[in-house]
Amino acid sequence: MCNRDHRMYRHHGMNCSRQFYTKEEKIEHLEEYKKWLEKEKIGVEEAIEELKKAS
């Protein structure tokens, strides 16, 4: 059964078919999530710049 603590894993390559994850798996998926967040930040910054140019 999925709960809020597993939300990140569900969205980043791990589904909720397992209840417990190894420390290594958690680290790997947190690193992937961090990379995704960094790319998302860059995208947001680019969108802000484009909107400022259009003003």
N, C-alpha and C. Protein backbone atom coordinates (compact mmCIF):
# COMPACT_ATOMS: atom_id res chain seq x y z
N MET A 1 0.83 -1.18 0.00
CA MET A 1 0.00 0.00 0.00
C MET A 1 0.87 1.24 0.00
N CYS A 2 0.58 2.19 -0.86
CA CYS A 2 1.36 3.42 -0.97
C CYS A 2 0.95 4.40 0.12
N ASN A 3 1.92 5.17 0.56
CA ASN A 3 1.61 6.29 1.45
C ASN A 3 2.43 7.49 1.03
N ARG A 4 2.29 8.59 1.73
CA ARG A 4 2.97 9.81 1.34
C ARG A 4 4.48 9.65 1.29
N ASP A 5 5.08 8.85 2.16
CA ASP A 5 6.52 8.69 2.20
C ASP A 5 7.06 8.05 0.92
N HIS A 6 6.21 7.34 0.19
CA HIS A 6 6.65 6.67 -1.03
C HIS A 6 6.36 7.49 -2.28
N ARG A 7 5.79 8.67 -2.12
CA ARG A 7 5.39 9.48 -3.28
C ARG A 7 6.58 9.75 -4.21
N MET A 8 7.72 10.14 -3.65
CA MET A 8 8.88 10.45 -4.49
C MET A 8 9.29 9.23 -5.30
N TYR A 9 9.31 8.06 -4.67
CA TYR A 9 9.75 6.87 -5.38
C TYR A 9 8.79 6.51 -6.50
N ARG A 10 7.52 6.71 -6.29
CA ARG A 10 6.53 6.38 -7.30
C ARG A 10 6.73 7.26 -8.53
N HIS A 11 7.11 8.50 -8.34
CA HIS A 11 7.26 9.42 -9.45
C HIS A 11 8.64 9.38 -10.09
N HIS A 12 9.57 8.72 -9.46
CA HIS A 12 10.93 8.71 -9.97
C HIS A 12 11.49 7.30 -10.11
N GLY A 13 10.71 6.44 -10.67
CA GLY A 13 11.23 5.13 -11.04
C GLY A 13 10.93 3.99 -10.10
N MET A 14 10.48 4.24 -8.90
CA MET A 14 10.14 3.15 -8.00
C MET A 14 8.64 3.14 -7.82
N ASN A 15 8.05 1.99 -7.93
CA ASN A 15 6.62 1.92 -7.67
C ASN A 15 6.42 1.46 -6.23
N CYS A 16 5.20 1.35 -5.85
CA CYS A 16 4.90 1.01 -4.46
C CYS A 16 4.62 -0.47 -4.26
N SER A 17 5.15 -1.30 -5.12
CA SER A 17 4.92 -2.73 -4.94
C SER A 17 5.73 -3.28 -3.78
N ARG A 18 6.78 -2.56 -3.39
CA ARG A 18 7.58 -2.96 -2.23
C ARG A 18 7.35 -1.96 -1.12
N GLN A 19 7.48 -2.40 0.09
CA GLN A 19 7.27 -1.52 1.23
C GLN A 19 8.58 -0.99 1.78
N PHE A 20 9.66 -1.76 1.67
CA PHE A 20 10.93 -1.36 2.26
C PHE A 20 12.02 -1.29 1.19
N TYR A 21 12.85 -0.27 1.29
CA TYR A 21 13.92 -0.07 0.33
C TYR A 21 15.26 -0.05 1.07
N THR A 22 16.30 -0.50 0.39
CA THR A 22 17.62 -0.49 1.00
C THR A 22 18.14 0.94 1.06
N LYS A 23 19.11 1.15 1.91
CA LYS A 23 19.74 2.46 2.03
C LYS A 23 20.30 2.90 0.68
N GLU A 24 20.93 1.98 -0.03
CA GLU A 24 21.52 2.30 -1.34
C GLU A 24 20.45 2.72 -2.34
N GLU A 25 19.31 2.03 -2.32
CA GLU A 25 18.21 2.39 -3.22
C GLU A 25 17.68 3.78 -2.89
N LYS A 26 17.53 4.07 -1.61
CA LYS A 26 17.05 5.40 -1.22
C LYS A 26 18.00 6.49 -1.67
N ILE A 27 19.31 6.26 -1.48
CA ILE A 27 20.31 7.24 -1.90
C ILE A 27 20.25 7.45 -3.41
N GLU A 28 20.22 6.36 -4.17
CA GLU A 28 20.17 6.44 -5.63
C GLU A 28 18.96 7.23 -6.10
N HIS A 29 17.81 6.94 -5.54
CA HIS A 29 16.60 7.62 -5.98
C HIS A 29 16.55 9.07 -5.51
N LEU A 30 17.12 9.36 -4.35
CA LEU A 30 17.20 10.75 -3.92
C LEU A 30 18.13 11.55 -4.82
N GLU A 31 19.23 10.93 -5.25
CA GLU A 31 20.14 11.61 -6.18
C GLU A 31 19.46 11.87 -7.52
N GLU A 32 18.68 10.90 -8.01
CA GLU A 32 17.93 11.10 -9.25
C GLU A 32 16.90 12.21 -9.08
N TYR A 33 16.22 12.22 -7.95
CA TYR A 33 15.23 13.25 -7.67
C TYR A 33 15.88 14.63 -7.61
N LYS A 34 17.06 14.72 -7.02
CA LYS A 34 17.80 15.98 -6.95
C LYS A 34 18.14 16.49 -8.35
N LYS A 35 18.61 15.59 -9.22
CA LYS A 35 18.91 15.98 -10.60
C LYS A 35 17.65 16.50 -11.30
N TRP A 36 16.53 15.82 -11.08
CA TRP A 36 15.27 16.24 -11.68
C TRP A 36 14.88 17.63 -11.19
N LEU A 37 15.04 17.87 -9.89
CA LEU A 37 14.72 19.18 -9.32
C LEU A 37 15.63 20.27 -9.89
N GLU A 38 16.91 19.96 -10.07
CA GLU A 38 17.85 20.94 -10.63
C GLU A 38 17.45 21.31 -12.06
N LYS A 39 17.06 20.32 -12.85
CA LYS A 39 16.61 20.60 -14.22
C LYS A 39 15.32 21.40 -14.22
N GLU A 40 14.43 21.07 -13.30
CA GLU A 40 13.17 21.81 -13.19
C GLU A 40 13.44 23.27 -12.83
N LYS A 41 14.39 23.50 -11.93
CA LYS A 41 14.78 24.86 -11.53
C LYS A 41 15.28 25.66 -12.73
N ILE A 42 16.11 25.03 -13.55
CA ILE A 42 16.63 25.70 -14.75
C ILE A 42 15.48 26.05 -15.68
N GLY A 43 14.55 25.13 -15.86
CA GLY A 43 13.39 25.39 -16.71
C GLY A 43 12.55 26.55 -16.20
N VAL A 44 12.36 26.61 -14.90
CA VAL A 44 11.59 27.71 -14.30
C VAL A 44 12.32 29.04 -14.51
N GLU A 45 13.62 29.05 -14.31
CA GLU A 45 14.41 30.27 -14.51
C GLU A 45 14.32 30.74 -15.96
N GLU A 46 14.39 29.80 -16.91
CA GLU A 46 14.28 30.16 -18.32
C GLU A 46 12.90 30.73 -18.63
N ALA A 47 11.87 30.14 -18.07
CA ALA A 47 10.51 30.63 -18.29
C ALA A 47 10.34 32.03 -17.73
N ILE A 48 10.92 32.29 -16.58
CA ILE A 48 10.85 33.64 -15.98
C ILE A 48 11.54 34.64 -16.88
N GLU A 49 12.72 34.30 -17.37
CA GLU A 49 13.46 35.20 -18.25
C GLU A 49 12.66 35.51 -19.52
N GLU A 50 12.05 34.49 -20.11
CA GLU A 50 11.25 34.69 -21.32
C GLU A 50 10.07 35.62 -21.03
N LEU A 51 9.42 35.45 -19.90
CA LEU A 51 8.30 36.31 -19.54
C LEU A 51 8.75 37.75 -19.32
N LYS A 52 9.92 37.92 -18.72
CA LYS A 52 10.45 39.28 -18.51
C LYS A 52 10.76 39.95 -19.84
N LYS A 53 11.28 39.21 -20.79
CA LYS A 53 11.59 39.75 -22.12
C LYS A 53 10.32 40.18 -22.84
N ALA A 54 9.26 39.42 -22.64
CA ALA A 54 8.00 39.69 -23.33
C ALA A 54 7.27 40.90 -22.74
N SER A 55 7.66 41.31 -21.56
CA SER A 55 6.97 42.44 -20.90
C SER A 55 7.36 43.78 -21.47
